[in-house]
Amino acid sequence: MNDSYIKIKSFTRLLQFQIVIFCTLLLAVACHHGGSIPANYQSTNPACRQFEHAAGITCIPEKFERLVTLDDASFENAIALGIKPVGSIFFDFSFYLQDKLIGVKNIGKNGEPNLENILALKPDLILGSDYQRYIYNLSSKIAPTILFNFEHSGKWKEVFTNMSVVLDKEETGQKVMENYYRRLKEFKQKMGDNLSKIKVSVVRVYPNTINLYLRDSFCGTVLQDAGLSRPNSQNFSASEGEKLFGNSIQMSIGNELIEKADGDVIFIWTAENSTQGNQTAKNKLEQLKSNPLWQNLKAVQKNKVYLVPDYWIGSGILAANAIIDDLFKYLINSP
């Protein structure tokens, strides 16, 4: 997973969190089941399909009505497949999803799902990503839990496909992806000869650093599918990024390397998991704008720098379509 999608907690904090939720779940489930925790919740439903995932093999109920999602990608993918979860983690800064959260119960912050809140919803299926393995043993006692392998954000299509299988919505998933590629085909046609002439730079401003998103990041894969090229400074695969920068999808640059952020156009954003962090990143962006090295960039001088929302981070099909909207807006419809 990319580091913006979830910040890894310290060992001490994680241990404290696990102790709290274990005690809460132990008490709540014991009350709910007349004083005992079921040894194998999944075995109580014979009508199910087995699915191998990041945390093991889980038996998915053939019929489920109360889905809970543990992260924003799982939430938006479920929505795209026509299923609205009864509960999900809430994400303050993914504004493109806010209207979809109406009527959905809050089960906690991104990276900190509250198992007591999940239990209260009486779910019959829980979906999340592999970085949530630390709660799997507990969540799977509430309901069958599937954790999708999500090596990094550029793997979003595989995750979406797997989710369509789990939710028994493969036909719907195929239609959703067909629409994605249809929109990209239209984009390429409207771009015409300009498609091969534009190199797109993608920049994210953190509170303490400036990062460039690489070819196999979530947004990088959408740009690839759109037929758009990247500056040489960002044209690295996931394996190359991991080897060169210790990160498969992004690299950090200092002020002395700001020229690596240049391109024919620059898409730039800030996005943090807290109000304070987001404001600090915005302040950093304003400082960047006043930097003479930034002002010397070709895209800056040609007024081809576009501030975009945090859905450029990803990592679901709705975010991918939102990026396509931006490509039409800024590369075709912009004067």
C-alpha atoms as a PDB file:
ATOM      1  CA  MET A   1       0.000   0.000   0.000  1.00  0.00           C
ATOM      2  CA  ASN A   2       1.093   3.549  -0.509  1.00  0.00           C
ATOM      3  CA  ASP A   3       2.058   5.519   2.579  1.00  0.00           C
ATOM      4  CA  SER A   4      -0.671   8.105   2.117  1.00  0.00           C
ATOM      5  CA  TYR A   5      -3.327   5.414   2.078  1.00  0.00           C
ATOM      6  CA  ILE A   6      -2.380   4.302   5.644  1.00  0.00           C
ATOM      7  CA  LYS A   7       0.203   5.485   8.142  1.00  0.00           C
ATOM      8  CA  ILE A   8       1.773   2.625  10.033  1.00  0.00           C
ATOM      9  CA  LYS A   9       1.339   3.029  13.776  1.00  0.00           C
ATOM     10  CA  SER A  10       4.164   2.588  16.206  1.00  0.00           C
ATOM     11  CA  PHE A  11       4.522  -0.814  17.838  1.00  0.00           C
ATOM     12  CA  THR A  12       3.575   0.528  21.254  1.00  0.00           C
ATOM     13  CA  ARG A  13       0.453   2.240  20.015  1.00  0.00           C
ATOM     14  CA  LEU A  14      -0.553  -0.793  17.976  1.00  0.00           C
ATOM     15  CA  LEU A  15      -0.096  -3.097  20.961  1.00  0.00           C
ATOM     16  CA  GLN A  16      -2.208  -0.817  23.143  1.00  0.00           C
ATOM     17  CA  PHE A  17      -4.874  -0.667  20.460  1.00  0.00           C
ATOM     18  CA  GLN A  18      -4.977  -4.448  20.087  1.00  0.00           C
ATOM     19  CA  ILE A  19      -5.320  -4.961  23.824  1.00  0.00           C
ATOM     20  CA  VAL A  20      -8.227  -2.523  24.004  1.00  0.00           C
ATOM     21  CA  ILE A  21     -10.143  -3.971  21.074  1.00  0.00           C
ATOM     22  CA  PHE A  22      -9.517  -7.532  22.224  1.00  0.00           C
ATOM     23  CA  CYS A  23     -10.962  -6.819  25.646  1.00  0.00           C
ATOM     24  CA  THR A  24     -13.891  -4.961  24.111  1.00  0.00           C
ATOM     25  CA  LEU A  25     -14.599  -7.737  21.637  1.00  0.00           C
ATOM     26  CA  LEU A  26     -14.227 -10.437  24.265  1.00  0.00           C
ATOM     27  CA  LEU A  27     -16.859  -8.806  26.438  1.00  0.00           C
ATOM     28  CA  ALA A  28     -19.198  -7.805  23.626  1.00  0.00           C
ATOM     29  CA  VAL A  29     -19.137 -11.106  21.785  1.00  0.00           C
ATOM     30  CA  ALA A  30     -19.460 -13.041  25.018  1.00  0.00           C
ATOM     31  CA  CYS A  31     -22.631 -11.131  25.847  1.00  0.00           C
ATOM     32  CA  HIS A  32     -23.904 -11.465  22.304  1.00  0.00           C
ATOM     33  CA  HIS A  33     -23.412 -15.247  22.255  1.00  0.00           C
ATOM     34  CA  GLY A  34     -24.548 -16.038  25.757  1.00  0.00           C
ATOM     35  CA  GLY A  35     -21.114 -15.991  27.353  1.00  0.00           C
ATOM     36  CA  SER A  36     -18.926 -17.729  24.777  1.00  0.00           C
ATOM     37  CA  ILE A  37     -16.970 -16.750  21.679  1.00  0.00           C
ATOM     38  CA  PRO A  38     -17.632 -19.126  18.780  1.00  0.00           C
ATOM     39  CA  ALA A  39     -14.574 -21.228  17.946  1.00  0.00           C
ATOM     40  CA  ASN A  40     -15.146 -20.935  14.217  1.00  0.00           C
ATOM     41  CA  TYR A  41     -17.713 -18.376  13.169  1.00  0.00           C
ATOM     42  CA  GLN A  42     -17.376 -19.178   9.475  1.00  0.00           C
ATOM     43  CA  SER A  43     -18.291 -22.841   9.894  1.00  0.00           C
ATOM     44  CA  THR A  44     -21.802 -21.931  11.075  1.00  0.00           C
ATOM     45  CA  ASN A  45     -22.893 -21.110   7.530  1.00  0.00           C
ATOM     46  CA  PRO A  46     -22.637 -24.103   5.189  1.00  0.00           C
ATOM     47  CA  ALA A  47     -23.866 -22.119   2.167  1.00  0.00           C
ATOM     48  CA  CYS A  48     -20.653 -20.332   1.293  1.00  0.00           C
ATOM     49  CA  ARG A  49     -17.811 -19.963  -1.214  1.00  0.00           C
ATOM     50  CA  GLN A  50     -14.170 -20.307  -0.257  1.00  0.00           C
ATOM     51  CA  PHE A  51     -11.818 -17.478  -1.166  1.00  0.00           C
ATOM     52  CA  GLU A  52      -8.071 -17.353  -0.562  1.00  0.00           C
ATOM     53  CA  HIS A  53      -6.806 -13.920   0.476  1.00  0.00           C
ATOM     54  CA  ALA A  54      -4.016 -12.144   2.341  1.00  0.00           C
ATOM     55  CA  ALA A  55      -4.957 -13.568   5.745  1.00  0.00           C
ATOM     56  CA  GLY A  56      -5.922 -17.101   4.747  1.00  0.00           C
ATOM     57  CA  ILE A  57      -8.966 -18.863   3.310  1.00  0.00           C
ATOM     58  CA  THR A  58     -12.413 -17.589   4.201  1.00  0.00           C
ATOM     59  CA  CYS A  59     -15.845 -19.000   3.479  1.00  0.00           C
ATOM     60  CA  ILE A  60     -17.959 -16.234   1.944  1.00  0.00           C
ATOM     61  CA  PRO A  61     -21.704 -16.522   2.597  1.00  0.00           C
ATOM     62  CA  GLU A  62     -23.695 -16.975  -0.596  1.00  0.00           C
ATOM     63  CA  LYS A  63     -26.139 -14.366   0.630  1.00  0.00           C
ATOM     64  CA  PHE A  64     -25.013 -11.353   2.615  1.00  0.00           C
ATOM     65  CA  GLU A  65     -26.869  -8.169   3.413  1.00  0.00           C
ATOM     66  CA  ARG A  66     -24.699  -6.277   5.880  1.00  0.00           C
ATOM     67  CA  LEU A  67     -21.276  -5.476   4.460  1.00  0.00           C
ATOM     68  CA  VAL A  68     -18.673  -3.528   6.447  1.00  0.00           C
ATOM     69  CA  THR A  69     -15.540  -2.078   4.807  1.00  0.00           C
ATOM     70  CA  LEU A  70     -12.315  -1.333   6.665  1.00  0.00           C
ATOM     71  CA  ASP A  71     -10.755   1.153   4.212  1.00  0.00           C
ATOM     72  CA  ASP A  72     -11.753   3.718   1.600  1.00  0.00           C
ATOM     73  CA  ALA A  73     -10.706   1.619  -1.407  1.00  0.00           C
ATOM     74  CA  SER A  74     -12.922  -1.275  -0.299  1.00  0.00           C
ATOM     75  CA  PHE A  75     -15.757   1.163   0.336  1.00  0.00           C
ATOM     76  CA  GLU A  76     -15.642   2.854  -3.050  1.00  0.00           C
ATOM     77  CA  ASN A  77     -15.169  -0.417  -4.904  1.00  0.00           C
ATOM     78  CA  ALA A  78     -18.259  -1.830  -3.187  1.00  0.00           C
ATOM     79  CA  ILE A  79     -20.205   1.283  -4.185  1.00  0.00           C
ATOM     80  CA  ALA A  80     -19.017   0.933  -7.784  1.00  0.00           C
ATOM     81  CA  LEU A  81     -20.223  -2.681  -7.763  1.00  0.00           C
ATOM     82  CA  GLY A  82     -23.674  -1.610  -6.605  1.00  0.00           C
ATOM     83  CA  ILE A  83     -23.416  -2.583  -2.938  1.00  0.00           C
ATOM     84  CA  LYS A  84     -23.640   0.019  -0.186  1.00  0.00           C
ATOM     85  CA  PRO A  85     -21.919  -1.014   3.055  1.00  0.00           C
ATOM     86  CA  VAL A  86     -23.818  -0.614   6.301  1.00  0.00           C
ATOM     87  CA  GLY A  87     -20.617   0.601   7.933  1.00  0.00           C
ATOM     88  CA  SER A  88     -17.181   1.839   6.970  1.00  0.00           C
ATOM     89  CA  ILE A  89     -14.228   3.761   8.254  1.00  0.00           C
ATOM     90  CA  PHE A  90     -14.687   7.477   7.591  1.00  0.00           C
ATOM     91  CA  PHE A  91     -12.137   9.557   5.713  1.00  0.00           C
ATOM     92  CA  ASP A  92     -12.280  13.300   6.315  1.00  0.00           C
ATOM     93  CA  PHE A  93     -10.445  14.442   3.212  1.00  0.00           C
ATOM     94  CA  SER A  94     -11.769  12.151   0.463  1.00  0.00           C
ATOM     95  CA  PHE A  95     -14.427  14.674  -0.500  1.00  0.00           C
ATOM     96  CA  TYR A  96     -15.381  12.846  -3.679  1.00  0.00           C
ATOM     97  CA  LEU A  97     -16.810  10.057  -1.499  1.00  0.00           C
ATOM     98  CA  GLN A  98     -18.653  12.143   1.077  1.00  0.00           C
ATOM     99  CA  ASP A  99     -22.085  11.886  -0.565  1.00  0.00           C
ATOM    100  CA  LYS A 100     -21.656   8.113  -0.803  1.00  0.00           C
ATOM    101  CA  LEU A 101     -21.237   7.923   2.987  1.00  0.00           C
ATOM    102  CA  ILE A 102     -24.752   9.206   3.676  1.00  0.00           C
ATOM    103  CA  GLY A 103     -26.571   6.529   5.666  1.00  0.00           C
ATOM    104  CA  VAL A 104     -23.363   4.580   6.341  1.00  0.00           C
ATOM    105  CA  LYS A 105     -22.374   4.062   9.985  1.00  0.00           C
ATOM    106  CA  ASN A 106     -18.952   5.267  11.084  1.00  0.00           C
ATOM    107  CA  ILE A 107     -16.776   2.433  12.415  1.00  0.00           C
ATOM    108  CA  GLY A 108     -13.705   4.586  13.069  1.00  0.00           C
ATOM    109  CA  LYS A 109     -10.887   6.488  11.430  1.00  0.00           C
ATOM    110  CA  ASN A 110      -8.791   5.285   8.532  1.00  0.00           C
ATOM    111  CA  GLY A 111      -6.322   2.794   9.991  1.00  0.00           C
ATOM    112  CA  GLU A 112      -8.213   2.551  13.296  1.00  0.00           C
ATOM    113  CA  PRO A 113     -11.446   0.593  12.800  1.00  0.00           C
ATOM    114  CA  ASN A 114     -13.399   0.162  16.026  1.00  0.00           C
ATOM    115  CA  LEU A 115     -14.416  -3.468  16.472  1.00  0.00           C
ATOM    116  CA  GLU A 116     -17.096  -2.634  19.011  1.00  0.00           C
ATOM    117  CA  ASN A 117     -18.762  -0.386  16.424  1.00  0.00           C
ATOM    118  CA  ILE A 118     -18.432  -3.144  13.827  1.00  0.00           C
ATOM    119  CA  LEU A 119     -19.988  -5.718  16.158  1.00  0.00           C
ATOM    120  CA  ALA A 120     -22.962  -3.436  16.824  1.00  0.00           C
ATOM    121  CA  LEU A 121     -23.768  -3.415  13.097  1.00  0.00           C
ATOM    122  CA  LYS A 122     -24.091  -7.228  13.020  1.00  0.00           C
ATOM    123  CA  PRO A 123     -22.307  -7.579   9.656  1.00  0.00           C
ATOM    124  CA  ASP A 124     -22.341 -10.807   7.687  1.00  0.00           C
ATOM    125  CA  LEU A 125     -19.225  -9.877   5.656  1.00  0.00           C
ATOM    126  CA  ILE A 126     -16.198  -7.640   6.320  1.00  0.00           C
ATOM    127  CA  LEU A 127     -13.788  -6.472   3.598  1.00  0.00           C
ATOM    128  CA  GLY A 128     -10.448  -4.717   3.924  1.00  0.00           C
ATOM    129  CA  SER A 129      -6.810  -4.747   2.830  1.00  0.00           C
ATOM    130  CA  ASP A 130      -3.781  -6.741   3.892  1.00  0.00           C
ATOM    131  CA  TYR A 131      -2.358  -3.997   6.083  1.00  0.00           C
ATOM    132  CA  GLN A 132      -5.248  -4.656   8.496  1.00  0.00           C
ATOM    133  CA  ARG A 133      -4.060  -8.163   9.364  1.00  0.00           C
ATOM    134  CA  TYR A 134      -3.516  -7.031  12.939  1.00  0.00           C
ATOM    135  CA  ILE A 135      -7.275  -7.147  13.578  1.00  0.00           C
ATOM    136  CA  TYR A 136      -8.100 -10.170  11.435  1.00  0.00           C
ATOM    137  CA  ASN A 137      -8.220 -12.712  14.265  1.00  0.00           C
ATOM    138  CA  LEU A 138     -10.744 -10.522  16.050  1.00  0.00           C
ATOM    139  CA  SER A 139     -12.811  -9.244  13.123  1.00  0.00           C
ATOM    140  CA  SER A 140     -13.185 -12.765  11.722  1.00  0.00           C
ATOM    141  CA  LYS A 141     -14.965 -13.751  14.934  1.00  0.00           C
ATOM    142  CA  ILE A 142     -17.587 -11.105  14.186  1.00  0.00           C
ATOM    143  CA  ALA A 143     -18.130 -12.045  10.533  1.00  0.00           C
ATOM    144  CA  PRO A 144     -16.263 -13.674   7.641  1.00  0.00           C
ATOM    145  CA  THR A 145     -13.420 -11.267   6.859  1.00  0.00           C
ATOM    146  CA  ILE A 146     -11.578 -10.902   3.550  1.00  0.00           C
ATOM    147  CA  LEU A 147      -8.333  -8.912   3.379  1.00  0.00           C
ATOM    148  CA  PHE A 148      -7.198  -8.237  -0.181  1.00  0.00           C
ATOM    149  CA  ASN A 149      -3.525  -8.288  -1.120  1.00  0.00           C
ATOM    150  CA  PHE A 150      -2.628  -4.670  -1.901  1.00  0.00           C
ATOM    151  CA  GLU A 151       1.108  -4.529  -2.526  1.00  0.00           C
ATOM    152  CA  HIS A 152       0.912  -0.890  -3.587  1.00  0.00           C
ATOM    153  CA  SER A 153      -1.671   1.506  -5.013  1.00  0.00           C
ATOM    154  CA  GLY A 154      -0.836   0.595  -8.604  1.00  0.00           C
ATOM    155  CA  LYS A 155      -2.410  -2.824  -7.996  1.00  0.00           C
ATOM    156  CA  TRP A 156      -5.881  -1.287  -7.738  1.00  0.00           C
ATOM    157  CA  LYS A 157      -7.298  -3.126 -10.766  1.00  0.00           C
ATOM    158  CA  GLU A 158      -6.397  -6.533  -9.356  1.00  0.00           C
ATOM    159  CA  VAL A 159      -7.992  -5.569  -6.047  1.00  0.00           C
ATOM    160  CA  PHE A 160     -11.162  -4.398  -7.794  1.00  0.00           C
ATOM    161  CA  THR A 161     -11.374  -7.622  -9.806  1.00  0.00           C
ATOM    162  CA  ASN A 162     -10.905  -9.756  -6.692  1.00  0.00           C
ATOM    163  CA  MET A 163     -13.551  -7.760  -4.883  1.00  0.00           C
ATOM    164  CA  SER A 164     -16.024  -8.301  -7.719  1.00  0.00           C
ATOM    165  CA  VAL A 165     -15.424 -12.047  -7.321  1.00  0.00           C
ATOM    166  CA  VAL A 166     -15.935 -11.956  -3.552  1.00  0.00           C
ATOM    167  CA  LEU A 167     -19.148  -9.940  -3.889  1.00  0.00           C
ATOM    168  CA  ASP A 168     -20.360 -12.161  -6.740  1.00  0.00           C
ATOM    169  CA  LYS A 169     -20.480  -9.102  -9.003  1.00  0.00           C
ATOM    170  CA  GLU A 170     -18.049 -10.153 -11.726  1.00  0.00           C
ATOM    171  CA  GLU A 171     -20.323  -9.112 -14.588  1.00  0.00           C
ATOM    172  CA  THR A 172     -20.885  -5.713 -12.998  1.00  0.00           C
ATOM    173  CA  GLY A 173     -17.155  -5.343 -12.433  1.00  0.00           C
ATOM    174  CA  GLN A 174     -16.414  -6.091 -16.074  1.00  0.00           C
ATOM    175  CA  LYS A 175     -18.901  -3.437 -17.182  1.00  0.00           C
ATOM    176  CA  VAL A 176     -17.370  -0.902 -14.799  1.00  0.00           C
ATOM    177  CA  MET A 177     -13.898  -1.526 -16.224  1.00  0.00           C
ATOM    178  CA  GLU A 178     -15.225  -1.464 -19.783  1.00  0.00           C
ATOM    179  CA  ASN A 179     -16.610   1.997 -19.072  1.00  0.00           C
ATOM    180  CA  TYR A 180     -13.228   3.052 -17.657  1.00  0.00           C
ATOM    181  CA  TYR A 181     -11.441   2.017 -20.852  1.00  0.00           C
ATOM    182  CA  ARG A 182     -14.189   3.495 -23.033  1.00  0.00           C
ATOM    183  CA  ARG A 183     -13.665   6.888 -21.397  1.00  0.00           C
ATOM    184  CA  LEU A 184      -9.916   6.623 -21.889  1.00  0.00           C
ATOM    185  CA  LYS A 185     -10.399   5.750 -25.561  1.00  0.00           C
ATOM    186  CA  GLU A 186     -12.516   8.879 -25.955  1.00  0.00           C
ATOM    187  CA  PHE A 187      -9.826  10.914 -24.198  1.00  0.00           C
ATOM    188  CA  LYS A 188      -7.118   9.618 -26.531  1.00  0.00           C
ATOM    189  CA  GLN A 189      -9.224  10.382 -29.587  1.00  0.00           C
ATOM    190  CA  LYS A 190      -9.853  13.949 -28.456  1.00  0.00           C
ATOM    191  CA  MET A 191      -6.197  14.483 -27.599  1.00  0.00           C
ATOM    192  CA  GLY A 192      -5.152  13.420 -31.084  1.00  0.00           C
ATOM    193  CA  ASP A 193      -1.538  14.183 -31.950  1.00  0.00           C
ATOM    194  CA  ASN A 194      -1.077  16.109 -28.698  1.00  0.00           C
ATOM    195  CA  LEU A 195      -1.211  12.845 -26.759  1.00  0.00           C
ATOM    196  CA  SER A 196       2.354  11.938 -27.689  1.00  0.00           C
ATOM    197  CA  LYS A 197       3.659  15.459 -27.105  1.00  0.00           C
ATOM    198  CA  ILE A 198       2.747  15.897 -23.444  1.00  0.00           C
ATOM    199  CA  LYS A 199       4.776  14.700 -20.465  1.00  0.00           C
ATOM    200  CA  VAL A 200       2.750  14.746 -17.263  1.00  0.00           C
ATOM    201  CA  SER A 201       4.401  15.405 -13.906  1.00  0.00           C
ATOM    202  CA  VAL A 202       2.663  14.381 -10.681  1.00  0.00           C
ATOM    203  CA  VAL A 203       3.687  16.099  -7.443  1.00  0.00           C
ATOM    204  CA  ARG A 204       2.481  15.704  -3.889  1.00  0.00           C
ATOM    205  CA  VAL A 205       3.408  18.186  -1.189  1.00  0.00           C
ATOM    206  CA  TYR A 206       3.779  16.751   2.303  1.00  0.00           C
ATOM    207  CA  PRO A 207       4.239  18.861   5.445  1.00  0.00           C
ATOM    208  CA  ASN A 208       7.996  18.202   5.380  1.00  0.00           C
ATOM    209  CA  THR A 209       8.850  17.080   1.873  1.00  0.00           C
ATOM    210  CA  ILE A 210       7.983  17.185  -1.809  1.00  0.00           C
ATOM    211  CA  ASN A 211       7.345  13.875  -3.555  1.00  0.00           C
ATOM    212  CA  LEU A 212       7.036  12.784  -7.168  1.00  0.00           C
ATOM    213  CA  TYR A 213       4.656   9.944  -8.010  1.00  0.00           C
ATOM    214  CA  LEU A 214       6.133   7.249 -10.218  1.00  0.00           C
ATOM    215  CA  ARG A 215       4.856   5.309 -13.202  1.00  0.00           C
ATOM    216  CA  ASP A 216       3.306   2.391 -11.308  1.00  0.00           C
ATOM    217  CA  SER A 217       1.540   4.436  -8.648  1.00  0.00           C
ATOM    218  CA  PHE A 218      -2.262   4.570  -8.727  1.00  0.00           C
ATOM    219  CA  CYS A 219      -2.395   7.837 -10.668  1.00  0.00           C
ATOM    220  CA  GLY A 220       0.578   6.687 -12.729  1.00  0.00           C
ATOM    221  CA  THR A 221      -1.331   3.648 -13.980  1.00  0.00           C
ATOM    222  CA  VAL A 222      -4.281   5.820 -15.003  1.00  0.00           C
ATOM    223  CA  LEU A 223      -1.918   8.114 -16.911  1.00  0.00           C
ATOM    224  CA  GLN A 224      -0.384   5.056 -18.589  1.00  0.00           C
ATOM    225  CA  ASP A 225      -3.827   3.812 -19.599  1.00  0.00           C
ATOM    226  CA  ALA A 226      -4.560   7.283 -20.971  1.00  0.00           C
ATOM    227  CA  GLY A 227      -1.499   7.042 -23.218  1.00  0.00           C
ATOM    228  CA  LEU A 228       0.295   9.912 -21.485  1.00  0.00           C
ATOM    229  CA  SER A 229       4.062   9.989 -21.006  1.00  0.00           C
ATOM    230  CA  ARG A 230       5.967  10.904 -17.852  1.00  0.00           C
ATOM    231  CA  PRO A 231       9.132  12.960 -17.362  1.00  0.00           C
ATOM    232  CA  ASN A 232      12.271  10.825 -17.177  1.00  0.00           C
ATOM    233  CA  SER A 233      12.625  11.793 -13.513  1.00  0.00           C
ATOM    234  CA  GLN A 234       9.353   9.982 -12.715  1.00  0.00           C
ATOM    235  CA  ASN A 235       9.321   7.211 -15.297  1.00  0.00           C
ATOM    236  CA  PHE A 236      10.253   4.379 -12.936  1.00  0.00           C
ATOM    237  CA  SER A 237       8.463   1.075 -12.439  1.00  0.00           C
ATOM    238  CA  ALA A 238       7.479  -0.160  -8.990  1.00  0.00           C
ATOM    239  CA  SER A 239      10.487  -2.475  -8.791  1.00  0.00           C
ATOM    240  CA  GLU A 240      12.845   0.283  -9.932  1.00  0.00           C
ATOM    241  CA  GLY A 241      11.351   2.713  -7.433  1.00  0.00           C
ATOM    242  CA  GLU A 242      11.744   0.232  -4.598  1.00  0.00           C
ATOM    243  CA  LYS A 243      15.364  -0.403  -5.531  1.00  0.00           C
ATOM    244  CA  LEU A 244      16.355   3.222  -6.123  1.00  0.00           C
ATOM    245  CA  PHE A 245      14.247   5.101  -3.583  1.00  0.00           C
ATOM    246  CA  GLY A 246      12.992   2.491  -1.133  1.00  0.00           C
ATOM    247  CA  ASN A 247       9.433   3.224  -2.271  1.00  0.00           C
ATOM    248  CA  SER A 248       7.623   1.572  -5.170  1.00  0.00           C
ATOM    249  CA  ILE A 249       5.333   4.482  -6.028  1.00  0.00           C
ATOM    250  CA  GLN A 250       6.966   7.786  -5.045  1.00  0.00           C
ATOM    251  CA  MET A 251      10.280   9.515  -4.438  1.00  0.00           C
ATOM    252  CA  SER A 252      11.223  12.535  -2.336  1.00  0.00           C
ATOM    253  CA  ILE A 253      13.117  15.522  -3.669  1.00  0.00           C
ATOM    254  CA  GLY A 254      14.765  18.468  -1.933  1.00  0.00           C
ATOM    255  CA  ASN A 255      14.845  22.071  -3.087  1.00  0.00           C
ATOM    256  CA  GLU A 256      18.007  21.393  -5.057  1.00  0.00           C
ATOM    257  CA  LEU A 257      16.108  18.836  -7.176  1.00  0.00           C
ATOM    258  CA  ILE A 258      12.927  20.784  -7.851  1.00  0.00           C
ATOM    259  CA  GLU A 259      13.662  20.684 -11.578  1.00  0.00           C
ATOM    260  CA  LYS A 260      12.733  16.983 -11.467  1.00  0.00           C
ATOM    261  CA  ALA A 261       9.140  18.072 -10.846  1.00  0.00           C
ATOM    262  CA  ASP A 262       8.921  19.765 -14.238  1.00  0.00           C
ATOM    263  CA  GLY A 263       6.848  18.573 -17.165  1.00  0.00           C
ATOM    264  CA  ASP A 264       4.619  19.974 -19.880  1.00  0.00           C
ATOM    265  CA  VAL A 265       1.891  19.962 -17.238  1.00  0.00           C
ATOM    266  CA  ILE A 266       2.043  19.422 -13.481  1.00  0.00           C
ATOM    267  CA  PHE A 267      -0.739  17.946 -11.374  1.00  0.00           C
ATOM    268  CA  ILE A 268      -0.137  18.727  -7.721  1.00  0.00           C
ATOM    269  CA  TRP A 269      -1.967  18.129  -4.453  1.00  0.00           C
ATOM    270  CA  THR A 270      -1.776  18.004  -0.676  1.00  0.00           C
ATOM    271  CA  ALA A 271      -3.546  15.406   1.461  1.00  0.00           C
ATOM    272  CA  GLU A 272      -3.004  14.383   5.071  1.00  0.00           C
ATOM    273  CA  ASN A 273      -5.038  12.391   7.577  1.00  0.00           C
ATOM    274  CA  SER A 274      -5.559  15.288   9.965  1.00  0.00           C
ATOM    275  CA  THR A 275      -6.735  18.879   9.725  1.00  0.00           C
ATOM    276  CA  GLN A 276      -3.475  20.153  11.190  1.00  0.00           C
ATOM    277  CA  GLY A 277      -1.373  18.019   8.860  1.00  0.00           C
ATOM    278  CA  ASN A 278      -3.375  19.122   5.857  1.00  0.00           C
ATOM    279  CA  GLN A 279      -2.948  22.787   6.757  1.00  0.00           C
ATOM    280  CA  THR A 280       0.789  22.318   7.252  1.00  0.00           C
ATOM    281  CA  ALA A 281       1.044  20.718   3.813  1.00  0.00           C
ATOM    282  CA  LYS A 282      -0.898  23.602   2.272  1.00  0.00           C
ATOM    283  CA  ASN A 283       1.507  26.052   3.900  1.00  0.00           C
ATOM    284  CA  LYS A 284       4.378  24.045   2.434  1.00  0.00           C
ATOM    285  CA  LEU A 285       2.748  24.334  -0.989  1.00  0.00           C
ATOM    286  CA  GLU A 286       2.530  28.110  -0.673  1.00  0.00           C
ATOM    287  CA  GLN A 287       6.227  28.208   0.233  1.00  0.00           C
ATOM    288  CA  LEU A 288       6.987  26.099  -2.819  1.00  0.00           C
ATOM    289  CA  LYS A 289       5.105  28.481  -5.096  1.00  0.00           C
ATOM    290  CA  SER A 290       7.308  31.363  -3.959  1.00  0.00           C
ATOM    291  CA  ASN A 291      10.540  29.415  -4.500  1.00  0.00           C
ATOM    292  CA  PRO A 292      12.509  30.843  -7.474  1.00  0.00           C
ATOM    293  CA  LEU A 293      13.499  27.327  -8.534  1.00  0.00           C
ATOM    294  CA  TRP A 294       9.832  26.372  -8.750  1.00  0.00           C
ATOM    295  CA  GLN A 295       8.983  29.541 -10.612  1.00  0.00           C
ATOM    296  CA  ASN A 296      11.614  28.662 -13.224  1.00  0.00           C
ATOM    297  CA  LEU A 297       9.893  25.406 -14.165  1.00  0.00           C
ATOM    298  CA  LYS A 298       8.529  25.269 -17.709  1.00  0.00           C
ATOM    299  CA  ALA A 299       5.038  24.203 -16.613  1.00  0.00           C
ATOM    300  CA  VAL A 300       4.892  26.981 -14.020  1.00  0.00           C
ATOM    301  CA  GLN A 301       5.917  29.650 -16.500  1.00  0.00           C
ATOM    302  CA  LYS A 302       3.323  28.403 -18.997  1.00  0.00           C
ATOM    303  CA  ASN A 303       0.625  28.339 -16.300  1.00  0.00           C
ATOM    304  CA  LYS A 304       0.160  24.598 -16.704  1.00  0.00           C
ATOM    305  CA  VAL A 305       0.135  23.671 -13.014  1.00  0.00           C
ATOM    306  CA  TYR A 306      -3.155  22.226 -11.779  1.00  0.00           C
ATOM    307  CA  LEU A 307      -4.105  21.753  -8.131  1.00  0.00           C
ATOM    308  CA  VAL A 308      -6.160  18.562  -7.849  1.00  0.00           C
ATOM    309  CA  PRO A 309      -7.946  16.757  -4.968  1.00  0.00           C
ATOM    310  CA  ASP A 310      -6.657  13.806  -2.992  1.00  0.00           C
ATOM    311  CA  TYR A 311      -8.316  11.169  -5.153  1.00  0.00           C
ATOM    312  CA  TRP A 312      -5.111  11.227  -7.213  1.00  0.00           C
ATOM    313  CA  ILE A 313      -3.691   9.081  -4.401  1.00  0.00           C
ATOM    314  CA  GLY A 314      -6.295   6.400  -5.111  1.00  0.00           C
ATOM    315  CA  SER A 315      -7.003   3.669  -4.809  1.00  0.00           C
ATOM    316  CA  GLY A 316     -10.337   2.613  -6.322  1.00  0.00           C
ATOM    317  CA  ILE A 317     -12.274   2.772  -9.560  1.00  0.00           C
ATOM    318  CA  LEU A 318     -14.251   5.879  -8.544  1.00  0.00           C
ATOM    319  CA  ALA A 319     -10.995   7.725  -7.914  1.00  0.00           C
ATOM    320  CA  ALA A 320      -9.674   6.518 -11.270  1.00  0.00           C
ATOM    321  CA  ASN A 321     -12.703   7.959 -13.035  1.00  0.00           C
ATOM    322  CA  ALA A 322     -12.285  11.207 -11.112  1.00  0.00           C
ATOM    323  CA  ILE A 323      -8.733  11.449 -12.493  1.00  0.00           C
ATOM    324  CA  ILE A 324     -10.106  10.914 -15.997  1.00  0.00           C
ATOM    325  CA  ASP A 325     -12.484  13.821 -15.344  1.00  0.00           C
ATOM    326  CA  ASP A 326      -9.439  15.967 -14.554  1.00  0.00           C
ATOM    327  CA  LEU A 327      -7.654  14.861 -17.720  1.00  0.00           C
ATOM    328  CA  PHE A 328     -10.617  15.984 -19.810  1.00  0.00           C
ATOM    329  CA  LYS A 329     -10.928  19.197 -17.805  1.00  0.00           C
ATOM    330  CA  TYR A 330      -7.322  20.340 -17.923  1.00  0.00           C
ATOM    331  CA  LEU A 331      -5.852  18.746 -21.037  1.00  0.00           C
ATOM    332  CA  ILE A 332      -8.787  19.014 -23.430  1.00  0.00           C
ATOM    333  CA  ASN A 333     -11.311  21.568 -22.202  1.00  0.00           C
ATOM    334  CA  SER A 334      -8.812  23.991 -20.662  1.00  0.00           C
ATOM    335  CA  PRO A 335      -7.952  27.004 -22.862  1.00  0.00           C
END
